[in-house]
Amino acid sequence: MKLFDDFGLILEHGKSEVFNFSKKPNNTNPAIILGVAPFTSSSPLHPKPHWRYLGFYFDRQLKFTEHVRYWSTKVLSSICAMRILGNSMHGLLPHQKCVLYWACIVPIATYGYCL
C-alpha cells in the first residue's frame, strides 16, 4: 500500500476490482484481504466472475462465453424491437427488413469476431 501512497493514489472500495485467472474450471475464487482500509477482514475485495475490458467480456478461463452471451442477448432484443416497425401486411417491405438487418443486427452480432 506504500506504493500507492508514494504515487499519491487512493484506493476506493467502490472503484477497486480484482480478477483471478485460472485454467481450472472449478477452481475457487477467494476474496483478497489487503489489510489496509477499506480492504480489511470485515470488507474484503471479492473477485468478479466476469471481466469487461475494452468492450470485451471474459470469464476466469479467458473464454468468450460471457462475451457471446452478452452480445447475442443484445441482438435478440434488437430483433424483437425491429418487429414493431412492421409486419408482413403493413409496414416495411421484405427488402427493407433485409437492409435493416444488415445495417443494425450484423454489426452487433459480429462485434469482436476478429479476435
PDB file of N, CA and C in Angstrom:
ATOM      1  N   MET A   1       0.812  -1.182   0.000  1.00  0.00           N
ATOM      2  CA  MET A   1       0.000   0.000   0.000  1.00  0.00           C
ATOM      3  C   MET A   1       0.864   1.257   0.000  1.00  0.00           C
ATOM      4  N   LYS A   2       2.121   1.110   0.429  1.00  0.00           N
ATOM      5  CA  LYS A   2       3.024   2.252   0.409  1.00  0.00           C
ATOM      6  C   LYS A   2       3.253   2.723  -1.022  1.00  0.00           C
ATOM      7  N   LEU A   3       3.236   1.791  -1.953  1.00  0.00           N
ATOM      8  CA  LEU A   3       3.420   2.136  -3.360  1.00  0.00           C
ATOM      9  C   LEU A   3       2.325   3.089  -3.839  1.00  0.00           C
ATOM     10  N   PHE A   4       1.098   2.836  -3.433  1.00  0.00           N
ATOM     11  CA  PHE A   4       0.002   3.722  -3.819  1.00  0.00           C
ATOM     12  C   PHE A   4       0.180   5.106  -3.202  1.00  0.00           C
ATOM     13  N   ASP A   5       0.603   5.142  -1.937  1.00  0.00           N
ATOM     14  CA  ASP A   5       0.822   6.429  -1.274  1.00  0.00           C
ATOM     15  C   ASP A   5       1.966   7.204  -1.919  1.00  0.00           C
ATOM     16  N   ASP A   6       3.011   6.494  -2.347  1.00  0.00           N
ATOM     17  CA  ASP A   6       4.151   7.156  -2.990  1.00  0.00           C
ATOM     18  C   ASP A   6       3.745   7.853  -4.288  1.00  0.00           C
ATOM     19  N   PHE A   7       2.807   7.276  -4.996  1.00  0.00           N
ATOM     20  CA  PHE A   7       2.333   7.872  -6.241  1.00  0.00           C
ATOM     21  C   PHE A   7       1.144   8.804  -6.032  1.00  0.00           C
ATOM     22  N   GLY A   8       0.712   8.972  -4.799  1.00  0.00           N
ATOM     23  CA  GLY A   8      -0.409   9.848  -4.497  1.00  0.00           C
ATOM     24  C   GLY A   8      -1.754   9.269  -4.894  1.00  0.00           C
ATOM     25  N   LEU A   9      -1.852   7.945  -4.922  1.00  0.00           N
ATOM     26  CA  LEU A   9      -3.094   7.281  -5.302  1.00  0.00           C
ATOM     27  C   LEU A   9      -3.866   6.845  -4.066  1.00  0.00           C
ATOM     28  N   ILE A  10      -5.177   6.839  -4.175  1.00  0.00           N
ATOM     29  CA  ILE A  10      -6.045   6.423  -3.082  1.00  0.00           C
ATOM     30  C   ILE A  10      -6.902   5.266  -3.576  1.00  0.00           C
ATOM     31  N   LEU A  11      -6.927   4.183  -2.813  1.00  0.00           N
ATOM     32  CA  LEU A  11      -7.781   3.050  -3.154  1.00  0.00           C
ATOM     33  C   LEU A  11      -9.192   3.322  -2.656  1.00  0.00           C
ATOM     34  N   GLU A  12     -10.148   3.287  -3.567  1.00  0.00           N
ATOM     35  CA  GLU A  12     -11.546   3.445  -3.197  1.00  0.00           C
ATOM     36  C   GLU A  12     -12.232   2.100  -3.334  1.00  0.00           C
ATOM     37  N   HIS A  13     -12.977   1.716  -2.317  1.00  0.00           N
ATOM     38  CA  HIS A  13     -13.601   0.393  -2.281  1.00  0.00           C
ATOM     39  C   HIS A  13     -14.565   0.187  -3.443  1.00  0.00           C
ATOM     40  N   GLY A  14     -15.336   1.185  -3.787  1.00  0.00           N
ATOM     41  CA  GLY A  14     -16.322   1.044  -4.855  1.00  0.00           C
ATOM     42  C   GLY A  14     -15.721   0.983  -6.249  1.00  0.00           C
ATOM     43  N   LYS A  15     -14.486   1.459  -6.408  1.00  0.00           N
ATOM     44  CA  LYS A  15     -13.868   1.504  -7.731  1.00  0.00           C
ATOM     45  C   LYS A  15     -12.766   0.470  -7.908  1.00  0.00           C
ATOM     46  N   SER A  16     -12.474  -0.303  -6.894  1.00  0.00           N
ATOM     47  CA  SER A  16     -11.395  -1.284  -6.977  1.00  0.00           C
ATOM     48  C   SER A  16     -11.934  -2.615  -7.469  1.00  0.00           C
ATOM     49  N   GLU A  17     -11.203  -3.223  -8.387  1.00  0.00           N
ATOM     50  CA  GLU A  17     -11.604  -4.506  -8.946  1.00  0.00           C
ATOM     51  C   GLU A  17     -10.420  -5.464  -8.888  1.00  0.00           C
ATOM     52  N   VAL A  18     -10.739  -6.718  -8.754  1.00  0.00           N
ATOM     53  CA  VAL A  18      -9.712  -7.753  -8.835  1.00  0.00           C
ATOM     54  C   VAL A  18     -10.285  -8.886  -9.672  1.00  0.00           C
ATOM     55  N   PHE A  19      -9.424  -9.505 -10.457  1.00  0.00           N
ATOM     56  CA  PHE A  19      -9.867 -10.615 -11.292  1.00  0.00           C
ATOM     57  C   PHE A  19      -8.833 -11.716 -11.193  1.00  0.00           C
ATOM     58  N   ASN A  20      -9.288 -12.926 -10.926  1.00  0.00           N
ATOM     59  CA  ASN A  20      -8.416 -14.070 -10.712  1.00  0.00           C
ATOM     60  C   ASN A  20      -8.538 -15.017 -11.901  1.00  0.00           C
ATOM     61  N   PHE A  21      -7.464 -15.144 -12.697  1.00  0.00           N
ATOM     62  CA  PHE A  21      -7.474 -16.040 -13.848  1.00  0.00           C
ATOM     63  C   PHE A  21      -7.056 -17.432 -13.415  1.00  0.00           C
ATOM     64  N   SER A  22      -7.692 -18.438 -13.991  1.00  0.00           N
ATOM     65  CA  SER A  22      -7.380 -19.818 -13.653  1.00  0.00           C
ATOM     66  C   SER A  22      -7.691 -20.707 -14.841  1.00  0.00           C
ATOM     67  N   LYS A  23      -6.838 -21.711 -15.065  1.00  0.00           N
ATOM     68  CA  LYS A  23      -7.085 -22.669 -16.146  1.00  0.00           C
ATOM     69  C   LYS A  23      -8.110 -23.717 -15.736  1.00  0.00           C
ATOM     70  N   LYS A  24      -8.215 -23.962 -14.442  1.00  0.00           N
ATOM     71  CA  LYS A  24      -9.127 -24.985 -13.945  1.00  0.00           C
ATOM     72  C   LYS A  24     -10.548 -24.430 -13.893  1.00  0.00           C
ATOM     73  N   PRO A  25     -11.517 -25.149 -14.449  1.00  0.00           N
ATOM     74  CA  PRO A  25     -12.888 -24.614 -14.481  1.00  0.00           C
ATOM     75  C   PRO A  25     -13.575 -24.562 -13.119  1.00  0.00           C
ATOM     76  N   ASN A  26     -13.238 -25.454 -12.203  1.00  0.00           N
ATOM     77  CA  ASN A  26     -13.929 -25.500 -10.906  1.00  0.00           C
ATOM     78  C   ASN A  26     -13.070 -24.957  -9.772  1.00  0.00           C
ATOM     79  N   ASN A  27     -12.076 -24.157 -10.085  1.00  0.00           N
ATOM     80  CA  ASN A  27     -11.193 -23.597  -9.075  1.00  0.00           C
ATOM     81  C   ASN A  27     -11.938 -22.527  -8.274  1.00  0.00           C
ATOM     82  N   THR A  28     -11.653 -22.445  -6.977  1.00  0.00           N
ATOM     83  CA  THR A  28     -12.327 -21.455  -6.128  1.00  0.00           C
ATOM     84  C   THR A  28     -11.854 -20.049  -6.477  1.00  0.00           C
ATOM     85  N   ASN A  29     -12.655 -19.098  -6.148  1.00  0.00           N
ATOM     86  CA  ASN A  29     -12.376 -17.697  -6.436  1.00  0.00           C
ATOM     87  C   ASN A  29     -12.394 -16.928  -5.114  1.00  0.00           C
ATOM     88  N   PRO A  30     -11.308 -17.034  -4.304  1.00  0.00           N
ATOM     89  CA  PRO A  30     -11.342 -16.470  -2.951  1.00  0.00           C
ATOM     90  C   PRO A  30     -11.257 -14.944  -2.936  1.00  0.00           C
ATOM     91  N   ALA A  31     -11.776 -14.369  -1.864  1.00  0.00           N
ATOM     92  CA  ALA A  31     -11.668 -12.926  -1.653  1.00  0.00           C
ATOM     93  C   ALA A  31     -10.262 -12.589  -1.172  1.00  0.00           C
ATOM     94  N   ILE A  32      -9.842 -11.361  -1.415  1.00  0.00           N
ATOM     95  CA  ILE A  32      -8.498 -10.919  -1.041  1.00  0.00           C
ATOM     96  C   ILE A  32      -8.612  -9.893   0.080  1.00  0.00           C
ATOM     97  N   ILE A  33      -7.844 -10.116   1.137  1.00  0.00           N
ATOM     98  CA  ILE A  33      -7.787  -9.174   2.255  1.00  0.00           C
ATOM     99  C   ILE A  33      -6.446  -8.462   2.160  1.00  0.00           C
ATOM    100  N   LEU A  34      -6.471  -7.170   1.871  1.00  0.00           N
ATOM    101  CA  LEU A  34      -5.237  -6.406   1.715  1.00  0.00           C
ATOM    102  C   LEU A  34      -4.699  -5.894   3.043  1.00  0.00           C
ATOM    103  N   GLY A  35      -5.505  -5.906   4.072  1.00  0.00           N
ATOM    104  CA  GLY A  35      -5.042  -5.474   5.385  1.00  0.00           C
ATOM    105  C   GLY A  35      -5.043  -3.973   5.588  1.00  0.00           C
ATOM    106  N   VAL A  36      -5.437  -3.225   4.593  1.00  0.00           N
ATOM    107  CA  VAL A  36      -5.483  -1.774   4.684  1.00  0.00           C
ATOM    108  C   VAL A  36      -6.912  -1.343   4.380  1.00  0.00           C
ATOM    109  N   ALA A  37      -7.402  -0.368   5.138  1.00  0.00           N
ATOM    110  CA  ALA A  37      -8.764   0.111   4.901  1.00  0.00           C
ATOM    111  C   ALA A  37      -8.880   0.609   3.472  1.00  0.00           C
ATOM    112  N   PRO A  38      -9.917   0.328   2.787  1.00  0.00           N
ATOM    113  CA  PRO A  38     -11.160  -0.316   3.192  1.00  0.00           C
ATOM    114  C   PRO A  38     -11.164  -1.828   2.987  1.00  0.00           C
ATOM    115  N   PHE A  39     -10.036  -2.433   2.638  1.00  0.00           N
ATOM    116  CA  PHE A  39      -9.997  -3.870   2.338  1.00  0.00           C
ATOM    117  C   PHE A  39      -9.463  -4.650   3.532  1.00  0.00           C
ATOM    118  N   THR A  40     -10.246  -4.718   4.588  1.00  0.00           N
ATOM    119  CA  THR A  40      -9.871  -5.459   5.783  1.00  0.00           C
ATOM    120  C   THR A  40     -10.662  -6.755   5.825  1.00  0.00           C
ATOM    121  N   SER A  41     -10.511  -7.496   6.907  1.00  0.00           N
ATOM    122  CA  SER A  41     -11.224  -8.774   7.010  1.00  0.00           C
ATOM    123  C   SER A  41     -12.739  -8.587   7.061  1.00  0.00           C
ATOM    124  N   SER A  42     -13.196  -7.422   7.496  1.00  0.00           N
ATOM    125  CA  SER A  42     -14.644  -7.192   7.539  1.00  0.00           C
ATOM    126  C   SER A  42     -15.214  -6.837   6.162  1.00  0.00           C
ATOM    127  N   SER A  43     -14.385  -6.310   5.278  1.00  0.00           N
ATOM    128  CA  SER A  43     -14.845  -5.993   3.914  1.00  0.00           C
ATOM    129  C   SER A  43     -13.740  -6.321   2.903  1.00  0.00           C
ATOM    130  N   PRO A  44     -13.569  -7.610   2.591  1.00  0.00           N
ATOM    131  CA  PRO A  44     -12.511  -7.998   1.650  1.00  0.00           C
ATOM    132  C   PRO A  44     -12.873  -7.631   0.210  1.00  0.00           C
ATOM    133  N   LEU A  45     -11.876  -7.693  -0.643  1.00  0.00           N
ATOM    134  CA  LEU A  45     -12.061  -7.419  -2.064  1.00  0.00           C
ATOM    135  C   LEU A  45     -12.417  -8.726  -2.760  1.00  0.00           C
ATOM    136  N   HIS A  46     -13.639  -8.809  -3.325  1.00  0.00           N
ATOM    137  CA  HIS A  46     -14.124 -10.036  -3.956  1.00  0.00           C
ATOM    138  C   HIS A  46     -13.860  -9.995  -5.459  1.00  0.00           C
ATOM    139  N   PRO A  47     -13.259 -11.054  -6.018  1.00  0.00           N
ATOM    140  CA  PRO A  47     -13.054 -11.102  -7.471  1.00  0.00           C
ATOM    141  C   PRO A  47     -14.381 -11.227  -8.211  1.00  0.00           C
ATOM    142  N   LYS A  48     -14.434 -10.654  -9.380  1.00  0.00           N
ATOM    143  CA  LYS A  48     -15.647 -10.713 -10.196  1.00  0.00           C
ATOM    144  C   LYS A  48     -15.656 -11.992 -11.030  1.00  0.00           C
ATOM    145  N   PRO A  49     -16.842 -12.552 -11.297  1.00  0.00           N
ATOM    146  CA  PRO A  49     -16.902 -13.761 -12.129  1.00  0.00           C
ATOM    147  C   PRO A  49     -16.659 -13.462 -13.605  1.00  0.00           C
ATOM    148  N   HIS A  50     -16.983 -12.231 -14.042  1.00  0.00           N
ATOM    149  CA  HIS A  50     -16.760 -11.831 -15.425  1.00  0.00           C
ATOM    150  C   HIS A  50     -16.070 -10.484 -15.432  1.00  0.00           C
ATOM    151  N   TRP A  51     -15.287 -10.253 -16.462  1.00  0.00           N
ATOM    152  CA  TRP A  51     -14.470  -9.049 -16.533  1.00  0.00           C
ATOM    153  C   TRP A  51     -14.695  -8.385 -17.878  1.00  0.00           C
ATOM    154  N   ARG A  52     -14.960  -7.088 -17.882  1.00  0.00           N
ATOM    155  CA  ARG A  52     -15.119  -6.335 -19.126  1.00  0.00           C
ATOM    156  C   ARG A  52     -13.880  -5.484 -19.329  1.00  0.00           C
ATOM    157  N   TYR A  53     -13.250  -5.653 -20.484  1.00  0.00           N
ATOM    158  CA  TYR A  53     -12.043  -4.899 -20.803  1.00  0.00           C
ATOM    159  C   TYR A  53     -12.106  -4.497 -22.269  1.00  0.00           C
ATOM    160  N   LEU A  54     -12.086  -3.204 -22.537  1.00  0.00           N
ATOM    161  CA  LEU A  54     -12.142  -2.647 -23.888  1.00  0.00           C
ATOM    162  C   LEU A  54     -13.339  -3.159 -24.682  1.00  0.00           C
ATOM    163  N   GLY A  55     -14.459  -3.341 -24.019  1.00  0.00           N
ATOM    164  CA  GLY A  55     -15.677  -3.771 -24.686  1.00  0.00           C
ATOM    165  C   GLY A  55     -15.825  -5.269 -24.849  1.00  0.00           C
ATOM    166  N   PHE A  56     -14.862  -6.039 -24.359  1.00  0.00           N
ATOM    167  CA  PHE A  56     -14.925  -7.495 -24.450  1.00  0.00           C
ATOM    168  C   PHE A  56     -15.148  -8.066 -23.061  1.00  0.00           C
ATOM    169  N   TYR A  57     -15.928  -9.129 -22.991  1.00  0.00           N
ATOM    170  CA  TYR A  57     -16.243  -9.770 -21.724  1.00  0.00           C
ATOM    171  C   TYR A  57     -15.493 -11.094 -21.641  1.00  0.00           C
ATOM    172  N   PHE A  58     -14.793 -11.303 -20.531  1.00  0.00           N
ATOM    173  CA  PHE A  58     -14.019 -12.521 -20.314  1.00  0.00           C
ATOM    174  C   PHE A  58     -14.484 -13.202 -19.038  1.00  0.00           C
ATOM    175  N   ASP A  59     -14.280 -14.511 -18.971  1.00  0.00           N
ATOM    176  CA  ASP A  59     -14.511 -15.227 -17.724  1.00  0.00           C
ATOM    177  C   ASP A  59     -13.147 -15.598 -17.143  1.00  0.00           C
ATOM    178  N   ARG A  60     -13.120 -16.433 -16.124  1.00  0.00           N
ATOM    179  CA  ARG A  60     -11.865 -16.753 -15.435  1.00  0.00           C
ATOM    180  C   ARG A  60     -10.892 -17.546 -16.290  1.00  0.00           C
ATOM    181  N   GLN A  61     -11.394 -18.287 -17.286  1.00  0.00           N
ATOM    182  CA  GLN A  61     -10.516 -19.048 -18.168  1.00  0.00           C
ATOM    183  C   GLN A  61     -10.182 -18.270 -19.442  1.00  0.00           C
ATOM    184  N   LEU A  62     -10.500 -16.986 -19.477  1.00  0.00           N
ATOM    185  CA  LEU A  62     -10.288 -16.107 -20.626  1.00  0.00           C
ATOM    186  C   LEU A  62     -10.996 -16.623 -21.871  1.00  0.00           C
ATOM    187  N   LYS A  63     -12.211 -17.109 -21.692  1.00  0.00           N
ATOM    188  CA  LYS A  63     -13.038 -17.563 -22.806  1.00  0.00           C
ATOM    189  C   LYS A  63     -14.059 -16.486 -23.132  1.00  0.00           C
ATOM    190  N   PHE A  64     -14.613 -16.567 -24.319  1.00  0.00           N
ATOM    191  CA  PHE A  64     -15.557 -15.564 -24.790  1.00  0.00           C
ATOM    192  C   PHE A  64     -17.005 -15.946 -24.539  1.00  0.00           C
ATOM    193  N   THR A  65     -17.271 -16.891 -23.661  1.00  0.00           N
ATOM    194  CA  THR A  65     -18.655 -17.322 -23.454  1.00  0.00           C
ATOM    195  C   THR A  65     -19.524 -16.179 -22.928  1.00  0.00           C
ATOM    196  N   GLU A  66     -19.017 -15.397 -22.006  1.00  0.00           N
ATOM    197  CA  GLU A  66     -19.780 -14.261 -21.481  1.00  0.00           C
ATOM    198  C   GLU A  66     -19.945 -13.191 -22.555  1.00  0.00           C
ATOM    199  N   HIS A  67     -18.924 -12.980 -23.373  1.00  0.00           N
ATOM    200  CA  HIS A  67     -18.987 -12.004 -24.461  1.00  0.00           C
ATOM    201  C   HIS A  67     -20.072 -12.395 -25.469  1.00  0.00           C
ATOM    202  N   VAL A  68     -20.093 -13.663 -25.854  1.00  0.00           N
ATOM    203  CA  VAL A  68     -21.091 -14.149 -26.808  1.00  0.00           C
ATOM    204  C   VAL A  68     -22.490 -14.074 -26.204  1.00  0.00           C
ATOM    205  N   ARG A  69     -22.629 -14.433 -24.925  1.00  0.00           N
ATOM    206  CA  ARG A  69     -23.928 -14.365 -24.271  1.00  0.00           C
ATOM    207  C   ARG A  69     -24.446 -12.930 -24.226  1.00  0.00           C
ATOM    208  N   TYR A  70     -23.577 -11.986 -23.872  1.00  0.00           N
ATOM    209  CA  TYR A  70     -23.980 -10.583 -23.773  1.00  0.00           C
ATOM    210  C   TYR A  70     -24.439 -10.046 -25.127  1.00  0.00           C
ATOM    211  N   TRP A  71     -23.634 -10.247 -26.169  1.00  0.00           N
ATOM    212  CA  TRP A  71     -23.966  -9.681 -27.477  1.00  0.00           C
ATOM    213  C   TRP A  71     -25.114 -10.424 -28.149  1.00  0.00           C
ATOM    214  N   SER A  72     -25.252 -11.732 -27.920  1.00  0.00           N
ATOM    215  CA  SER A  72     -26.394 -12.444 -28.505  1.00  0.00           C
ATOM    216  C   SER A  72     -27.704 -11.990 -27.857  1.00  0.00           C
ATOM    217  N   THR A  73     -27.677 -11.702 -26.564  1.00  0.00           N
ATOM    218  CA  THR A  73     -28.861 -11.151 -25.901  1.00  0.00           C
ATOM    219  C   THR A  73     -29.208  -9.782 -26.471  1.00  0.00           C
ATOM    220  N   LYS A  74     -28.188  -8.986 -26.731  1.00  0.00           N
ATOM    221  CA  LYS A  74     -28.410  -7.668 -27.314  1.00  0.00           C
ATOM    222  C   LYS A  74     -28.992  -7.777 -28.730  1.00  0.00           C
ATOM    223  N   VAL A  75     -28.507  -8.755 -29.509  1.00  0.00           N
ATOM    224  CA  VAL A  75     -29.037  -8.976 -30.857  1.00  0.00           C
ATOM    225  C   VAL A  75     -30.498  -9.404 -30.797  1.00  0.00           C
ATOM    226  N   LEU A  76     -30.817 -10.346 -29.906  1.00  0.00           N
ATOM    227  CA  LEU A  76     -32.200 -10.820 -29.805  1.00  0.00           C
ATOM    228  C   LEU A  76     -33.156  -9.702 -29.389  1.00  0.00           C
ATOM    229  N   SER A  77     -32.717  -8.855 -28.472  1.00  0.00           N
ATOM    230  CA  SER A  77     -33.589  -7.747 -28.068  1.00  0.00           C
ATOM    231  C   SER A  77     -33.743  -6.732 -29.199  1.00  0.00           C
ATOM    232  N   SER A  78     -32.706  -6.552 -30.015  1.00  0.00           N
ATOM    233  CA  SER A  78     -32.814  -5.643 -31.166  1.00  0.00           C
ATOM    234  C   SER A  78     -33.759  -6.199 -32.218  1.00  0.00           C
ATOM    235  N   ILE A  79     -33.705  -7.517 -32.435  1.00  0.00           N
ATOM    236  CA  ILE A  79     -34.619  -8.145 -33.394  1.00  0.00           C
ATOM    237  C   ILE A  79     -36.064  -8.018 -32.913  1.00  0.00           C
ATOM    238  N   CYS A  80     -36.285  -8.222 -31.628  1.00  0.00           N
ATOM    239  CA  CYS A  80     -37.643  -8.064 -31.081  1.00  0.00           C
ATOM    240  C   CYS A  80     -38.120  -6.623 -31.214  1.00  0.00           C
ATOM    241  N   ALA A  81     -37.214  -5.670 -31.045  1.00  0.00           N
ATOM    242  CA  ALA A  81     -37.592  -4.264 -31.187  1.00  0.00           C
ATOM    243  C   ALA A  81     -37.888  -3.912 -32.642  1.00  0.00           C
ATOM    244  N   MET A  82     -37.221  -4.595 -33.585  1.00  0.00           N
ATOM    245  CA  MET A  82     -37.465  -4.326 -35.005  1.00  0.00           C
ATOM    246  C   MET A  82     -38.833  -4.822 -35.454  1.00  0.00           C
ATOM    247  N   ARG A  83     -39.431  -5.751 -34.728  1.00  0.00           N
ATOM    248  CA  ARG A  83     -40.746  -6.280 -35.104  1.00  0.00           C
ATOM    249  C   ARG A  83     -41.830  -5.207 -35.073  1.00  0.00           C
ATOM    250  N   ILE A  84     -41.648  -4.202 -34.237  1.00  0.00           N
ATOM    251  CA  ILE A  84     -42.684  -3.172 -34.145  1.00  0.00           C
ATOM    252  C   ILE A  84     -42.677  -2.242 -35.355  1.00  0.00           C
ATOM    253  N   LEU A  85     -41.636  -2.340 -36.198  1.00  0.00           N
ATOM    254  CA  LEU A  85     -41.579  -1.471 -37.375  1.00  0.00           C
ATOM    255  C   LEU A  85     -42.559  -1.891 -38.461  1.00  0.00           C
ATOM    256  N   GLY A  86     -42.976  -3.124 -38.435  1.00  0.00           N
ATOM    257  CA  GLY A  86     -43.949  -3.553 -39.428  1.00  0.00           C
ATOM    258  C   GLY A  86     -44.096  -5.056 -39.444  1.00  0.00           C
ATOM    259  N   ASN A  87     -45.203  -5.518 -40.022  1.00  0.00           N
ATOM    260  CA  ASN A  87     -45.416  -6.948 -40.164  1.00  0.00           C
ATOM    261  C   ASN A  87     -45.469  -7.279 -41.652  1.00  0.00           C
ATOM    262  N   SER A  88     -45.935  -8.463 -42.024  1.00  0.00           N
ATOM    263  CA  SER A  88     -45.937  -8.860 -43.431  1.00  0.00           C
ATOM    264  C   SER A  88     -47.023  -8.154 -44.249  1.00  0.00           C
ATOM    265  N   MET A  89     -48.023  -7.568 -43.609  1.00  0.00           N
ATOM    266  CA  MET A  89     -49.110  -6.921 -44.358  1.00  0.00           C
ATOM    267  C   MET A  89     -48.945  -5.405 -44.420  1.00  0.00           C
ATOM    268  N   HIS A  90     -48.431  -4.802 -43.376  1.00  0.00           N
ATOM    269  CA  HIS A  90     -48.257  -3.358 -43.338  1.00  0.00           C
ATOM    270  C   HIS A  90     -46.843  -3.061 -42.850  1.00  0.00           C
ATOM    271  N   GLY A  91     -46.329  -1.927 -43.209  1.00  0.00           N
ATOM    272  CA  GLY A  91     -45.028  -1.531 -42.693  1.00  0.00           C
ATOM    273  C   GLY A  91     -43.918  -1.772 -43.698  1.00  0.00           C
ATOM    274  N   LEU A  92     -42.815  -2.317 -43.227  1.00  0.00           N
ATOM    275  CA  LEU A  92     -41.630  -2.483 -44.061  1.00  0.00           C
ATOM    276  C   LEU A  92     -41.785  -3.607 -45.077  1.00  0.00           C
ATOM    277  N   LEU A  93     -41.192  -3.393 -46.229  1.00  0.00           N
ATOM    278  CA  LEU A  93     -41.119  -4.438 -47.247  1.00  0.00           C
ATOM    279  C   LEU A  93     -40.023  -5.429 -46.865  1.00  0.00           C
ATOM    280  N   PRO A  94     -40.066  -6.656 -47.391  1.00  0.00           N
ATOM    281  CA  PRO A  94     -39.015  -7.628 -47.066  1.00  0.00           C
ATOM    282  C   PRO A  94     -37.609  -7.133 -47.397  1.00  0.00           C
ATOM    283  N   HIS A  95     -37.465  -6.408 -48.504  1.00  0.00           N
ATOM    284  CA  HIS A  95     -36.148  -5.868 -48.853  1.00  0.00           C
ATOM    285  C   HIS A  95     -35.681  -4.855 -47.799  1.00  0.00           C
ATOM    286  N   GLN A  96     -36.590  -4.031 -47.316  1.00  0.00           N
ATOM    287  CA  GLN A  96     -36.237  -3.045 -46.291  1.00  0.00           C
ATOM    288  C   GLN A  96     -35.863  -3.727 -44.975  1.00  0.00           C
ATOM    289  N   LYS A  97     -36.546  -4.825 -44.655  1.00  0.00           N
ATOM    290  CA  LYS A  97     -36.192  -5.580 -43.451  1.00  0.00           C
ATOM    291  C   LYS A  97     -34.799  -6.181 -43.578  1.00  0.00           C
ATOM    292  N   CYS A  98     -34.465  -6.644 -44.774  1.00  0.00           N
ATOM    293  CA  CYS A  98     -33.137  -7.212 -45.010  1.00  0.00           C
ATOM    294  C   CYS A  98     -32.058  -6.141 -44.856  1.00  0.00           C
ATOM    295  N   VAL A  99     -32.296  -4.966 -45.405  1.00  0.00           N
ATOM    296  CA  VAL A  99     -31.340  -3.859 -45.268  1.00  0.00           C
ATOM    297  C   VAL A  99     -31.196  -3.462 -43.803  1.00  0.00           C
ATOM    298  N   LEU A 100     -32.299  -3.415 -43.098  1.00  0.00           N
ATOM    299  CA  LEU A 100     -32.275  -3.084 -41.674  1.00  0.00           C
ATOM    300  C   LEU A 100     -31.488  -4.116 -40.880  1.00  0.00           C
ATOM    301  N   TYR A 101     -31.668  -5.392 -41.233  1.00  0.00           N
ATOM    302  CA  TYR A 101     -30.933  -6.473 -40.568  1.00  0.00           C
ATOM    303  C   TYR A 101     -29.433  -6.314 -40.788  1.00  0.00           C
ATOM    304  N   TRP A 102     -29.028  -6.104 -42.030  1.00  0.00           N
ATOM    305  CA  TRP A 102     -27.602  -5.974 -42.332  1.00  0.00           C
ATOM    306  C   TRP A 102     -27.006  -4.703 -41.734  1.00  0.00           C
ATOM    307  N   ALA A 103     -27.796  -3.653 -41.621  1.00  0.00           N
ATOM    308  CA  ALA A 103     -27.284  -2.392 -41.094  1.00  0.00           C
ATOM    309  C   ALA A 103     -27.257  -2.344 -39.573  1.00  0.00           C
ATOM    310  N   CYS A 104     -28.192  -3.032 -38.915  1.00  0.00           N
ATOM    311  CA  CYS A 104     -28.316  -2.908 -37.459  1.00  0.00           C
ATOM    312  C   CYS A 104     -27.928  -4.160 -36.687  1.00  0.00           C
ATOM    313  N   ILE A 105     -28.272  -5.331 -37.186  1.00  0.00           N
ATOM    314  CA  ILE A 105     -28.077  -6.559 -36.419  1.00  0.00           C
ATOM    315  C   ILE A 105     -26.700  -7.170 -36.643  1.00  0.00           C
ATOM    316  N   VAL A 106     -26.260  -7.244 -37.892  1.00  0.00           N
ATOM    317  CA  VAL A 106     -24.974  -7.890 -38.192  1.00  0.00           C
ATOM    318  C   VAL A 106     -23.801  -7.201 -37.488  1.00  0.00           C
ATOM    319  N   PRO A 107     -23.713  -5.862 -37.450  1.00  0.00           N
ATOM    320  CA  PRO A 107     -22.600  -5.253 -36.706  1.00  0.00           C
ATOM    321  C   PRO A 107     -22.606  -5.585 -35.211  1.00  0.00           C
ATOM    322  N   ILE A 108     -23.787  -5.714 -34.619  1.00  0.00           N
ATOM    323  CA  ILE A 108     -23.862  -6.081 -33.200  1.00  0.00           C
ATOM    324  C   ILE A 108     -23.420  -7.522 -33.009  1.00  0.00           C
ATOM    325  N   ALA A 109     -23.901  -8.408 -33.871  1.00  0.00           N
ATOM    326  CA  ALA A 109     -23.608  -9.837 -33.721  1.00  0.00           C
ATOM    327  C   ALA A 109     -22.149 -10.161 -33.981  1.00  0.00           C
ATOM    328  N   THR A 110     -21.482  -9.392 -34.805  1.00  0.00           N
ATOM    329  CA  THR A 110     -20.090  -9.701 -35.154  1.00  0.00           C
ATOM    330  C   THR A 110     -19.091  -8.829 -34.415  1.00  0.00           C
ATOM    331  N   TYR A 111     -19.505  -8.149 -33.355  1.00  0.00           N
ATOM    332  CA  TYR A 111     -18.580  -7.306 -32.599  1.00  0.00           C
ATOM    333  C   TYR A 111     -17.494  -8.175 -31.974  1.00  0.00           C
ATOM    334  N   GLY A 112     -16.262  -7.926 -32.328  1.00  0.00           N
ATOM    335  CA  GLY A 112     -15.141  -8.664 -31.769  1.00  0.00           C
ATOM    336  C   GLY A 112     -14.891 -10.009 -32.403  1.00  0.00           C
ATOM    337  N   TYR A 113     -15.489 -10.294 -33.565  1.00  0.00           N
ATOM    338  CA  TYR A 113     -15.309 -11.611 -34.171  1.00  0.00           C
ATOM    339  C   TYR A 113     -13.882 -11.827 -34.658  1.00  0.00           C
ATOM    340  N   CYS A 114     -13.131 -10.768 -34.942  1.00  0.00           N
ATOM    341  CA  CYS A 114     -11.777 -10.929 -35.479  1.00  0.00           C
ATOM    342  C   CYS A 114     -10.802 -11.442 -34.431  1.00  0.00           C
ATOM    343  N   LEU A 115     -11.163 -11.402 -33.152  1.00  0.00           N
ATOM    344  CA  LEU A 115     -10.280 -11.940 -32.120  1.00  0.00           C
ATOM    345  C   LEU A 115     -10.394 -13.435 -32.101  1.00  0.00           C
TER     346      LEU A 115
END
